[in-house]
PDB file of all heavy atoms in Angstrom:
ATOM      1  N   VAL A   1      13.830 -11.398  19.301  1.00  0.00           N
ATOM      2  CA  VAL A   1      12.909 -10.590  20.109  1.00  0.00           C
ATOM      3  C   VAL A   1      12.709 -11.293  21.445  1.00  0.00           C
ATOM      4  O   VAL A   1      13.040 -12.470  21.610  1.00  0.00           O
ATOM      5  CB  VAL A   1      11.547 -10.400  19.399  1.00  0.00           C
ATOM      6  CG1 VAL A   1      11.713  -9.620  18.107  1.00  0.00           C
ATOM      7  CG2 VAL A   1      10.866 -11.741  19.134  1.00  0.00           C
ATOM      8  N   GLY A   2      12.153 -10.571  22.437  1.00  0.00           N
ATOM      9  CA  GLY A   2      11.892 -11.152  23.737  1.00  0.00           C
ATOM     10  C   GLY A   2      10.662 -12.035  23.742  1.00  0.00           C
ATOM     11  O   GLY A   2       9.857 -12.029  22.800  1.00  0.00           O
ATOM     12  N   LEU A   3      10.492 -12.795  24.829  1.00  0.00           N
ATOM     13  CA  LEU A   3       9.346 -13.702  24.946  1.00  0.00           C
ATOM     14  C   LEU A   3       8.028 -12.930  24.911  1.00  0.00           C
ATOM     15  O   LEU A   3       7.072 -13.345  24.255  1.00  0.00           O
ATOM     16  CB  LEU A   3       9.436 -14.509  26.244  1.00  0.00           C
ATOM     17  CG  LEU A   3      10.276 -15.787  26.222  1.00  0.00           C
ATOM     18  CD1 LEU A   3      10.328 -16.408  27.607  1.00  0.00           C
ATOM     19  CD2 LEU A   3       9.699 -16.780  25.216  1.00  0.00           C
ATOM     20  N   SER A   4       7.954 -11.817  25.632  1.00  0.00           N
ATOM     21  CA  SER A   4       6.711 -11.047  25.648  1.00  0.00           C
ATOM     22  C   SER A   4       6.417 -10.448  24.278  1.00  0.00           C
ATOM     23  O   SER A   4       5.253 -10.340  23.874  1.00  0.00           O
ATOM     24  CB  SER A   4       6.773  -9.942  26.706  1.00  0.00           C
ATOM     25  OG  SER A   4       7.858  -9.063  26.451  1.00  0.00           O
ATOM     26  N   THR A   5       7.459 -10.089  23.527  1.00  0.00           N
ATOM     27  CA  THR A   5       7.257  -9.582  22.162  1.00  0.00           C
ATOM     28  C   THR A   5       6.756 -10.686  21.248  1.00  0.00           C
ATOM     29  O   THR A   5       5.864 -10.477  20.414  1.00  0.00           O
ATOM     30  CB  THR A   5       8.564  -8.998  21.604  1.00  0.00           C
ATOM     31  OG1 THR A   5       9.020  -7.968  22.477  1.00  0.00           O
ATOM     32  CG2 THR A   5       8.361  -8.427  20.209  1.00  0.00           C
ATOM     33  N   ALA A   6       7.307 -11.882  21.403  1.00  0.00           N
ATOM     34  CA  ALA A   6       6.809 -13.022  20.638  1.00  0.00           C
ATOM     35  C   ALA A   6       5.368 -13.331  21.021  1.00  0.00           C
ATOM     36  O   ALA A   6       4.541 -13.677  20.167  1.00  0.00           O
ATOM     37  CB  ALA A   6       7.700 -14.243  20.870  1.00  0.00           C
ATOM     38  N   GLY A   7       5.043 -13.205  22.303  1.00  0.00           N
ATOM     39  CA  GLY A   7       3.672 -13.432  22.748  1.00  0.00           C
ATOM     40  C   GLY A   7       2.699 -12.441  22.131  1.00  0.00           C
ATOM     41  O   GLY A   7       1.505 -12.726  22.011  1.00  0.00           O
ATOM     42  N   PHE A   8       3.205 -11.274  21.714  1.00  0.00           N
ATOM     43  CA  PHE A   8       2.365 -10.276  21.065  1.00  0.00           C
ATOM     44  C   PHE A   8       1.783 -10.801  19.758  1.00  0.00           C
ATOM     45  O   PHE A   8       0.754 -10.295  19.275  1.00  0.00           O
ATOM     46  CB  PHE A   8       3.188  -9.011  20.807  1.00  0.00           C
ATOM     47  CG  PHE A   8       2.413  -7.903  20.162  1.00  0.00           C
ATOM     48  CD1 PHE A   8       1.418  -7.226  20.858  1.00  0.00           C
ATOM     49  CD2 PHE A   8       2.681  -7.518  18.851  1.00  0.00           C
ATOM     50  CE1 PHE A   8       0.703  -6.200  20.259  1.00  0.00           C
ATOM     51  CE2 PHE A   8       1.975  -6.493  18.250  1.00  0.00           C
ATOM     52  CZ  PHE A   8       0.977  -5.834  18.961  1.00  0.00           C
ATOM     53  N   LEU A   9       2.400 -11.830  19.166  1.00  0.00           N
ATOM     54  CA  LEU A   9       1.845 -12.440  17.956  1.00  0.00           C
ATOM     55  C   LEU A   9       0.460 -13.008  18.217  1.00  0.00           C
ATOM     56  O   LEU A   9      -0.417 -12.999  17.347  1.00  0.00           O
ATOM     57  CB  LEU A   9       2.782 -13.539  17.442  1.00  0.00           C
ATOM     58  CG  LEU A   9       4.127 -13.070  16.888  1.00  0.00           C
ATOM     59  CD1 LEU A   9       5.054 -14.252  16.680  1.00  0.00           C
ATOM     60  CD2 LEU A   9       3.921 -12.296  15.581  1.00  0.00           C
ATOM     61  N   VAL A  10       0.237 -13.533  19.416  1.00  0.00           N
ATOM     62  CA  VAL A  10      -1.088 -14.015  19.805  1.00  0.00           C
ATOM     63  C   VAL A  10      -2.033 -12.831  19.959  1.00  0.00           C
ATOM     64  O   VAL A  10      -3.192 -12.863  19.530  1.00  0.00           O
ATOM     65  CB  VAL A  10      -1.010 -14.832  21.110  1.00  0.00           C
ATOM     66  CG1 VAL A  10      -2.396 -15.291  21.554  1.00  0.00           C
ATOM     67  CG2 VAL A  10      -0.088 -16.034  20.937  1.00  0.00           C
ATOM     68  N   THR A  11      -1.538 -11.762  20.564  1.00  0.00           N
ATOM     69  CA  THR A  11      -2.372 -10.577  20.784  1.00  0.00           C
ATOM     70  C   THR A  11      -2.783  -9.934  19.469  1.00  0.00           C
ATOM     71  O   THR A  11      -3.949  -9.559  19.284  1.00  0.00           O
ATOM     72  CB  THR A  11      -1.606  -9.548  21.643  1.00  0.00           C
ATOM     73  OG1 THR A  11      -1.287 -10.133  22.900  1.00  0.00           O
ATOM     74  CG2 THR A  11      -2.446  -8.308  21.873  1.00  0.00           C
ATOM     75  N   VAL A  12      -1.856  -9.780  18.526  1.00  0.00           N
ATOM     76  CA  VAL A  12      -2.180  -9.102  17.272  1.00  0.00           C
ATOM     77  C   VAL A  12      -3.148  -9.937  16.446  1.00  0.00           C
ATOM     78  O   VAL A  12      -4.042  -9.399  15.762  1.00  0.00           O
ATOM     79  CB  VAL A  12      -0.898  -8.770  16.473  1.00  0.00           C
ATOM     80  CG1 VAL A  12      -0.289 -10.018  15.834  1.00  0.00           C
ATOM     81  CG2 VAL A  12      -1.185  -7.720  15.410  1.00  0.00           C
ATOM     82  N   PHE A  13      -3.008 -11.256  16.506  1.00  0.00           N
ATOM     83  CA  PHE A  13      -3.943 -12.146  15.819  1.00  0.00           C
ATOM     84  C   PHE A  13      -5.348 -11.950  16.388  1.00  0.00           C
ATOM     85  O   PHE A  13      -6.321 -11.720  15.661  1.00  0.00           O
ATOM     86  CB  PHE A  13      -3.481 -13.594  16.000  1.00  0.00           C
ATOM     87  CG  PHE A  13      -4.251 -14.611  15.193  1.00  0.00           C
ATOM     88  CD1 PHE A  13      -3.760 -15.076  13.990  1.00  0.00           C
ATOM     89  CD2 PHE A  13      -5.453 -15.115  15.651  1.00  0.00           C
ATOM     90  CE1 PHE A  13      -4.454 -16.039  13.253  1.00  0.00           C
ATOM     91  CE2 PHE A  13      -6.161 -16.062  14.921  1.00  0.00           C
ATOM     92  CZ  PHE A  13      -5.657 -16.518  13.721  1.00  0.00           C
ATOM     93  N   ALA A  14      -5.450 -12.024  17.720  1.00  0.00           N
ATOM     94  CA  ALA A  14      -6.743 -11.872  18.371  1.00  0.00           C
ATOM     95  C   ALA A  14      -7.290 -10.463  18.211  1.00  0.00           C
ATOM     96  O   ALA A  14      -8.496 -10.268  18.027  1.00  0.00           O
ATOM     97  CB  ALA A  14      -6.616 -12.226  19.850  1.00  0.00           C
ATOM     98  N   GLY A  15      -6.415  -9.462  18.277  1.00  0.00           N
ATOM     99  CA  GLY A  15      -6.858  -8.088  18.108  1.00  0.00           C
ATOM    100  C   GLY A  15      -7.464  -7.850  16.730  1.00  0.00           C
ATOM    101  O   GLY A  15      -8.453  -7.112  16.586  1.00  0.00           O
ATOM    102  N   THR A  16      -6.871  -8.465  15.720  1.00  0.00           N
ATOM    103  CA  THR A  16      -7.428  -8.363  14.367  1.00  0.00           C
ATOM    104  C   THR A  16      -8.821  -8.965  14.311  1.00  0.00           C
ATOM    105  O   THR A  16      -9.737  -8.408  13.694  1.00  0.00           O
ATOM    106  CB  THR A  16      -6.511  -9.076  13.359  1.00  0.00           C
ATOM    107  OG1 THR A  16      -5.203  -8.511  13.427  1.00  0.00           O
ATOM    108  CG2 THR A  16      -7.045  -8.947  11.954  1.00  0.00           C
ATOM    109  N   VAL A  17      -8.984 -10.113  14.967  1.00  0.00           N
ATOM    110  CA  VAL A  17     -10.301 -10.753  15.026  1.00  0.00           C
ATOM    111  C   VAL A  17     -11.313  -9.834  15.697  1.00  0.00           C
ATOM    112  O   VAL A  17     -12.449  -9.680  15.230  1.00  0.00           O
ATOM    113  CB  VAL A  17     -10.207 -12.099  15.767  1.00  0.00           C
ATOM    114  CG1 VAL A  17     -11.592 -12.707  15.965  1.00  0.00           C
ATOM    115  CG2 VAL A  17      -9.318 -13.076  15.002  1.00  0.00           C
ATOM    116  N   VAL A  18     -10.902  -9.206  16.800  1.00  0.00           N
ATOM    117  CA  VAL A  18     -11.799  -8.321  17.544  1.00  0.00           C
ATOM    118  C   VAL A  18     -12.275  -7.162  16.676  1.00  0.00           C
ATOM    119  O   VAL A  18     -13.469  -6.837  16.629  1.00  0.00           O
ATOM    120  CB  VAL A  18     -11.094  -7.786  18.802  1.00  0.00           C
ATOM    121  CG1 VAL A  18     -11.906  -6.677  19.454  1.00  0.00           C
ATOM    122  CG2 VAL A  18     -10.870  -8.918  19.798  1.00  0.00           C
ATOM    123  N   ILE A  19     -11.349  -6.531  15.967  1.00  0.00           N
ATOM    124  CA  ILE A  19     -11.682  -5.343  15.184  1.00  0.00           C
ATOM    125  C   ILE A  19     -12.482  -5.698  13.939  1.00  0.00           C
ATOM    126  O   ILE A  19     -13.425  -4.978  13.560  1.00  0.00           O
ATOM    127  CB  ILE A  19     -10.398  -4.594  14.787  1.00  0.00           C
ATOM    128  CG1 ILE A  19      -9.691  -4.048  16.044  1.00  0.00           C
ATOM    129  CG2 ILE A  19     -10.690  -3.470  13.805  1.00  0.00           C
ATOM    130  CD1 ILE A  19      -8.303  -3.501  15.772  1.00  0.00           C
ATOM    131  N   ALA A  20     -12.141  -6.811  13.299  1.00  0.00           N
ATOM    132  CA  ALA A  20     -12.673  -7.082  11.960  1.00  0.00           C
ATOM    133  C   ALA A  20     -13.884  -7.992  11.917  1.00  0.00           C
ATOM    134  O   ALA A  20     -14.638  -7.966  10.935  1.00  0.00           O
ATOM    135  CB  ALA A  20     -11.565  -7.681  11.091  1.00  0.00           C
ATOM    136  N   THR A  21     -14.123  -8.816  12.947  1.00  0.00           N
ATOM    137  CA  THR A  21     -15.132  -9.866  12.826  1.00  0.00           C
ATOM    138  C   THR A  21     -16.533  -9.330  12.566  1.00  0.00           C
ATOM    139  O   THR A  21     -17.198  -9.743  11.604  1.00  0.00           O
ATOM    140  CB  THR A  21     -15.146 -10.728  14.107  1.00  0.00           C
ATOM    141  OG1 THR A  21     -13.899 -11.408  14.218  1.00  0.00           O
ATOM    142  CG2 THR A  21     -16.267 -11.759  14.028  1.00  0.00           C
ATOM    143  N   THR A  22     -17.025  -8.425  13.414  1.00  0.00           N
ATOM    144  CA  THR A  22     -18.401  -7.945  13.251  1.00  0.00           C
ATOM    145  C   THR A  22     -18.593  -7.191  11.936  1.00  0.00           C
ATOM    146  O   THR A  22     -19.585  -7.439  11.233  1.00  0.00           O
ATOM    147  CB  THR A  22     -18.805  -7.074  14.455  1.00  0.00           C
ATOM    148  OG1 THR A  22     -18.678  -7.859  15.657  1.00  0.00           O
ATOM    149  CG2 THR A  22     -20.238  -6.610  14.326  1.00  0.00           C
ATOM    150  N   PRO A  23     -17.678  -6.261  11.546  1.00  0.00           N
ATOM    151  CA  PRO A  23     -17.851  -5.625  10.224  1.00  0.00           C
ATOM    152  C   PRO A  23     -17.813  -6.618   9.064  1.00  0.00           C
ATOM    153  O   PRO A  23     -18.619  -6.510   8.129  1.00  0.00           O
ATOM    154  CB  PRO A  23     -16.666  -4.652  10.147  1.00  0.00           C
ATOM    155  CG  PRO A  23     -16.298  -4.376  11.559  1.00  0.00           C
ATOM    156  CD  PRO A  23     -16.566  -5.652  12.291  1.00  0.00           C
ATOM    157  N   LEU A  24     -16.897  -7.591   9.104  1.00  0.00           N
ATOM    158  CA  LEU A  24     -16.833  -8.582   8.028  1.00  0.00           C
ATOM    159  C   LEU A  24     -18.093  -9.439   7.992  1.00  0.00           C
ATOM    160  O   LEU A  24     -18.605  -9.774   6.918  1.00  0.00           O
ATOM    161  CB  LEU A  24     -15.597  -9.467   8.206  1.00  0.00           C
ATOM    162  CG  LEU A  24     -14.252  -8.842   7.864  1.00  0.00           C
ATOM    163  CD1 LEU A  24     -13.110  -9.807   8.188  1.00  0.00           C
ATOM    164  CD2 LEU A  24     -14.191  -8.435   6.402  1.00  0.00           C
ATOM    165  N   ALA A  25     -18.604  -9.801   9.171  1.00  0.00           N
ATOM    166  CA  ALA A  25     -19.834 -10.590   9.231  1.00  0.00           C
ATOM    167  C   ALA A  25     -21.001  -9.807   8.644  1.00  0.00           C
ATOM    168  O   ALA A  25     -21.857 -10.371   7.936  1.00  0.00           O
ATOM    169  CB  ALA A  25     -20.133 -10.989  10.672  1.00  0.00           C
ATOM    170  N   ALA A  26     -21.065  -8.500   8.921  1.00  0.00           N
ATOM    171  CA  ALA A  26     -22.143  -7.673   8.380  1.00  0.00           C
ATOM    172  C   ALA A  26     -22.023  -7.543   6.857  1.00  0.00           C
ATOM    173  O   ALA A  26     -23.025  -7.618   6.136  1.00  0.00           O
ATOM    174  CB  ALA A  26     -22.113  -6.287   9.025  1.00  0.00           C
ATOM    175  N   LEU A  27     -20.801  -7.373   6.359  1.00  0.00           N
ATOM    176  CA  LEU A  27     -20.593  -7.215   4.915  1.00  0.00           C
ATOM    177  C   LEU A  27     -20.897  -8.485   4.145  1.00  0.00           C
ATOM    178  O   LEU A  27     -21.268  -8.424   2.959  1.00  0.00           O
ATOM    179  CB  LEU A  27     -19.145  -6.779   4.643  1.00  0.00           C
ATOM    180  CG  LEU A  27     -18.777  -5.343   5.044  1.00  0.00           C
ATOM    181  CD1 LEU A  27     -17.273  -5.137   4.907  1.00  0.00           C
ATOM    182  CD2 LEU A  27     -19.537  -4.336   4.176  1.00  0.00           C
ATOM    183  N   THR A  28     -20.749  -9.632   4.776  1.00  0.00           N
ATOM    184  CA  THR A  28     -20.918 -10.913   4.073  1.00  0.00           C
ATOM    185  C   THR A  28     -22.184 -11.652   4.481  1.00  0.00           C
ATOM    186  O   THR A  28     -22.328 -12.833   4.168  1.00  0.00           O
ATOM    187  CB  THR A  28     -19.705 -11.823   4.353  1.00  0.00           C
ATOM    188  OG1 THR A  28     -19.587 -12.045   5.780  1.00  0.00           O
ATOM    189  CG2 THR A  28     -18.418 -11.203   3.847  1.00  0.00           C
ATOM    190  N   ARG A  29     -23.112 -10.972   5.145  1.00  0.00           N
ATOM    191  CA  ARG A  29     -24.286 -11.674   5.676  1.00  0.00           C
ATOM    192  C   ARG A  29     -25.177 -12.258   4.591  1.00  0.00           C
ATOM    193  O   ARG A  29     -25.951 -13.192   4.854  1.00  0.00           O
ATOM    194  CB  ARG A  29     -25.096 -10.737   6.567  1.00  0.00           C
ATOM    195  CG  ARG A  29     -25.745  -9.572   5.857  1.00  0.00           C
ATOM    196  CD  ARG A  29     -26.429  -8.631   6.847  1.00  0.00           C
ATOM    197  NE  ARG A  29     -27.135  -7.529   6.196  1.00  0.00           N
ATOM    198  CZ  ARG A  29     -26.566  -6.412   5.803  1.00  0.00           C
ATOM    199  NH1 ARG A  29     -25.258  -6.246   6.010  1.00  0.00           N
ATOM    200  NH2 ARG A  29     -27.265  -5.458   5.205  1.00  0.00           N
ATOM    201  N   ARG A  30     -25.112 -11.746   3.361  1.00  0.00           N
ATOM    202  CA  ARG A  30     -25.959 -12.242   2.280  1.00  0.00           C
ATOM    203  C   ARG A  30     -25.313 -13.394   1.509  1.00  0.00           C
ATOM    204  O   ARG A  30     -25.967 -14.011   0.668  1.00  0.00           O
ATOM    205  CB  ARG A  30     -26.301 -11.114   1.308  1.00  0.00           C
ATOM    206  CG  ARG A  30     -27.092  -9.975   1.957  1.00  0.00           C
ATOM    207  CD  ARG A  30     -27.487  -8.927   0.923  1.00  0.00           C
ATOM    208  NE  ARG A  30     -28.187  -7.816   1.546  1.00  0.00           N
ATOM    209  CZ  ARG A  30     -29.494  -7.807   1.817  1.00  0.00           C
ATOM    210  NH1 ARG A  30     -30.224  -8.878   1.520  1.00  0.00           N
ATOM    211  NH2 ARG A  30     -30.058  -6.755   2.382  1.00  0.00           N
ATOM    212  N   TYR A  31     -24.070 -13.677   1.778  1.00  0.00           N
ATOM    213  CA  TYR A  31     -23.360 -14.696   1.005  1.00  0.00           C
ATOM    214  C   TYR A  31     -23.557 -16.085   1.606  1.00  0.00           C
ATOM    215  O   TYR A  31     -23.847 -16.246   2.793  1.00  0.00           O
ATOM    216  CB  TYR A  31     -21.866 -14.371   0.933  1.00  0.00           C
ATOM    217  CG  TYR A  31     -21.564 -13.127   0.124  1.00  0.00           C
ATOM    218  CD1 TYR A  31     -21.428 -11.890   0.744  1.00  0.00           C
ATOM    219  CD2 TYR A  31     -21.425 -13.193  -1.256  1.00  0.00           C
ATOM    220  CE1 TYR A  31     -21.160 -10.742   0.010  1.00  0.00           C
ATOM    221  CE2 TYR A  31     -21.157 -12.050  -1.999  1.00  0.00           C
ATOM    222  CZ  TYR A  31     -21.027 -10.829  -1.361  1.00  0.00           C
ATOM    223  OH  TYR A  31     -20.765  -9.697  -2.088  1.00  0.00           O
ATOM    224  N   SER A  32     -23.372 -17.086   0.781  1.00  0.00           N
ATOM    225  CA  SER A  32     -23.500 -18.484   1.201  1.00  0.00           C
ATOM    226  C   SER A  32     -22.538 -18.782   2.354  1.00  0.00           C
ATOM    227  O   SER A  32     -21.345 -18.467   2.271  1.00  0.00           O
ATOM    228  CB  SER A  32     -23.189 -19.405   0.017  1.00  0.00           C
ATOM    229  OG  SER A  32     -22.879 -20.708   0.438  1.00  0.00           O
ATOM    230  N   ARG A  33     -23.074 -19.396   3.404  1.00  0.00           N
ATOM    231  CA  ARG A  33     -22.239 -19.745   4.555  1.00  0.00           C
ATOM    232  C   ARG A  33     -21.152 -20.754   4.156  1.00  0.00           C
ATOM    233  O   ARG A  33     -20.010 -20.653   4.583  1.00  0.00           O
ATOM    234  CB  ARG A  33     -23.093 -20.339   5.677  1.00  0.00           C
ATOM    235  CG  ARG A  33     -24.237 -19.469   6.164  1.00  0.00           C
ATOM    236  CD  ARG A  33     -23.751 -18.246   6.917  1.00  0.00           C
ATOM    237  NE  ARG A  33     -23.585 -17.101   6.038  1.00  0.00           N
ATOM    238  CZ  ARG A  33     -23.153 -15.907   6.454  1.00  0.00           C
ATOM    239  NH1 ARG A  33     -22.862 -15.724   7.722  1.00  0.00           N
ATOM    240  NH2 ARG A  33     -23.023 -14.908   5.613  1.00  0.00           N
ATOM    241  N   LYS A  34     -21.522 -21.736   3.364  1.00  0.00           N
ATOM    242  CA  LYS A  34     -20.553 -22.760   2.963  1.00  0.00           C
ATOM    243  C   LYS A  34     -19.422 -22.156   2.132  1.00  0.00           C
ATOM    244  O   LYS A  34     -18.243 -22.451   2.356  1.00  0.00           O
ATOM    245  CB  LYS A  34     -21.255 -23.862   2.176  1.00  0.00           C
ATOM    246  CG  LYS A  34     -20.320 -24.951   1.664  1.00  0.00           C
ATOM    247  CD  LYS A  34     -21.073 -26.079   0.986  1.00  0.00           C
ATOM    248  CE  LYS A  34     -20.103 -27.117   0.432  1.00  0.00           C
ATOM    249  NZ  LYS A  34     -20.794 -28.280  -0.160  1.00  0.00           N
ATOM    250  N   SER A  35     -19.764 -21.287   1.194  1.00  0.00           N
ATOM    251  CA  SER A  35     -18.737 -20.658   0.357  1.00  0.00           C
ATOM    252  C   SER A  35     -17.783 -19.820   1.205  1.00  0.00           C
ATOM    253  O   SER A  35     -16.567 -19.813   0.967  1.00  0.00           O
ATOM    254  CB  SER A  35     -19.386 -19.781  -0.716  1.00  0.00           C
ATOM    255  OG  SER A  35     -20.185 -20.562  -1.583  1.00  0.00           O
ATOM    256  N   LEU A  36     -18.324 -19.129   2.193  1.00  0.00           N
ATOM    257  CA  LEU A  36     -17.475 -18.317   3.064  1.00  0.00           C
ATOM    258  C   LEU A  36     -16.502 -19.180   3.855  1.00  0.00           C
ATOM    259  O   LEU A  36     -15.348 -18.799   4.052  1.00  0.00           O
ATOM    260  CB  LEU A  36     -18.335 -17.495   4.019  1.00  0.00           C
ATOM    261  CG  LEU A  36     -18.969 -16.220   3.436  1.00  0.00           C
ATOM    262  CD1 LEU A  36     -19.843 -15.548   4.485  1.00  0.00           C
ATOM    263  CD2 LEU A  36     -17.898 -15.254   2.954  1.00  0.00           C
ATOM    264  N   VAL A  37     -16.966 -20.335   4.329  1.00  0.00           N
ATOM    265  CA  VAL A  37     -16.069 -21.230   5.074  1.00  0.00           C
ATOM    266  C   VAL A  37     -14.890 -21.624   4.197  1.00  0.00           C
ATOM    267  O   VAL A  37     -13.728 -21.610   4.639  1.00  0.00           O
ATOM    268  CB  VAL A  37     -16.825 -22.474   5.568  1.00  0.00           C
ATOM    269  CG1 VAL A  37     -15.852 -23.489   6.180  1.00  0.00           C
ATOM    270  CG2 VAL A  37     -17.872 -22.090   6.606  1.00  0.00           C
ATOM    271  N   VAL A  38     -15.155 -21.977   2.935  1.00  0.00           N
ATOM    272  CA  VAL A  38     -14.081 -22.376   2.024  1.00  0.00           C
ATOM    273  C   VAL A  38     -13.104 -21.220   1.786  1.00  0.00           C
ATOM    274  O   VAL A  38     -11.879 -21.386   1.867  1.00  0.00           O
ATOM    275  CB  VAL A  38     -14.669 -22.855   0.680  1.00  0.00           C
ATOM    276  CG1 VAL A  38     -13.550 -23.136  -0.330  1.00  0.00           C
ATOM    277  CG2 VAL A  38     -15.516 -24.101   0.878  1.00  0.00           C
ATOM    278  N   VAL A  39     -13.636 -20.027   1.510  1.00  0.00           N
ATOM    279  CA  VAL A  39     -12.778 -18.874   1.211  1.00  0.00           C
ATOM    280  C   VAL A  39     -11.883 -18.526   2.398  1.00  0.00           C
ATOM    281  O   VAL A  39     -10.674 -18.308   2.239  1.00  0.00           O
ATOM    282  CB  VAL A  39     -13.642 -17.663   0.803  1.00  0.00           C
ATOM    283  CG1 VAL A  39     -12.790 -16.395   0.740  1.00  0.00           C
ATOM    284  CG2 VAL A  39     -14.306 -17.910  -0.541  1.00  0.00           C
ATOM    285  N   VAL A  40     -12.463 -18.468   3.593  1.00  0.00           N
ATOM    286  CA  VAL A  40     -11.657 -18.058   4.741  1.00  0.00           C
ATOM    287  C   VAL A  40     -10.613 -19.111   5.091  1.00  0.00           C
ATOM    288  O   VAL A  40      -9.515 -18.771   5.562  1.00  0.00           O
ATOM    289  CB  VAL A  40     -12.536 -17.734   5.967  1.00  0.00           C
ATOM    290  CG1 VAL A  40     -13.416 -16.537   5.689  1.00  0.00           C
ATOM    291  CG2 VAL A  40     -13.371 -18.921   6.422  1.00  0.00           C
ATOM    292  N   LEU A  41     -10.904 -20.379   4.852  1.00  0.00           N
ATOM    293  CA  LEU A  41      -9.886 -21.411   5.086  1.00  0.00           C
ATOM    294  C   LEU A  41      -8.709 -21.222   4.140  1.00  0.00           C
ATOM    295  O   LEU A  41      -7.542 -21.366   4.550  1.00  0.00           O
ATOM    296  CB  LEU A  41     -10.491 -22.803   4.924  1.00  0.00           C
ATOM    297  CG  LEU A  41     -11.364 -23.314   6.072  1.00  0.00           C
ATOM    298  CD1 LEU A  41     -11.988 -24.662   5.715  1.00  0.00           C
ATOM    299  CD2 LEU A  41     -10.565 -23.440   7.364  1.00  0.00           C
ATOM    300  N   LEU A  42      -8.975 -20.901   2.894  1.00  0.00           N
ATOM    301  CA  LEU A  42      -7.885 -20.690   1.930  1.00  0.00           C
ATOM    302  C   LEU A  42      -7.064 -19.454   2.283  1.00  0.00           C
ATOM    303  O   LEU A  42      -5.837 -19.456   2.157  1.00  0.00           O
ATOM    304  CB  LEU A  42      -8.464 -20.573   0.518  1.00  0.00           C
ATOM    305  CG  LEU A  42      -9.115 -21.856  -0.043  1.00  0.00           C
ATOM    306  CD1 LEU A  42      -9.717 -21.587  -1.416  1.00  0.00           C
ATOM    307  CD2 LEU A  42      -8.109 -22.998  -0.106  1.00  0.00           C
TER     308      LEU A  42
END
C-alpha cells in the first residue's frame, strides 16, 4: 500500500477512540477504575 494509506492506520486508530470513548466511559462509569485499567491493557 502507499505511504498515505499506511498512515491511515493512525487515523483509524484515533477515529475509533473518538467514536467509542465517551459511550464506553458512560457504560463503565460504575465499574472499578483499577479493574478497567487492567482489562483495557489486556
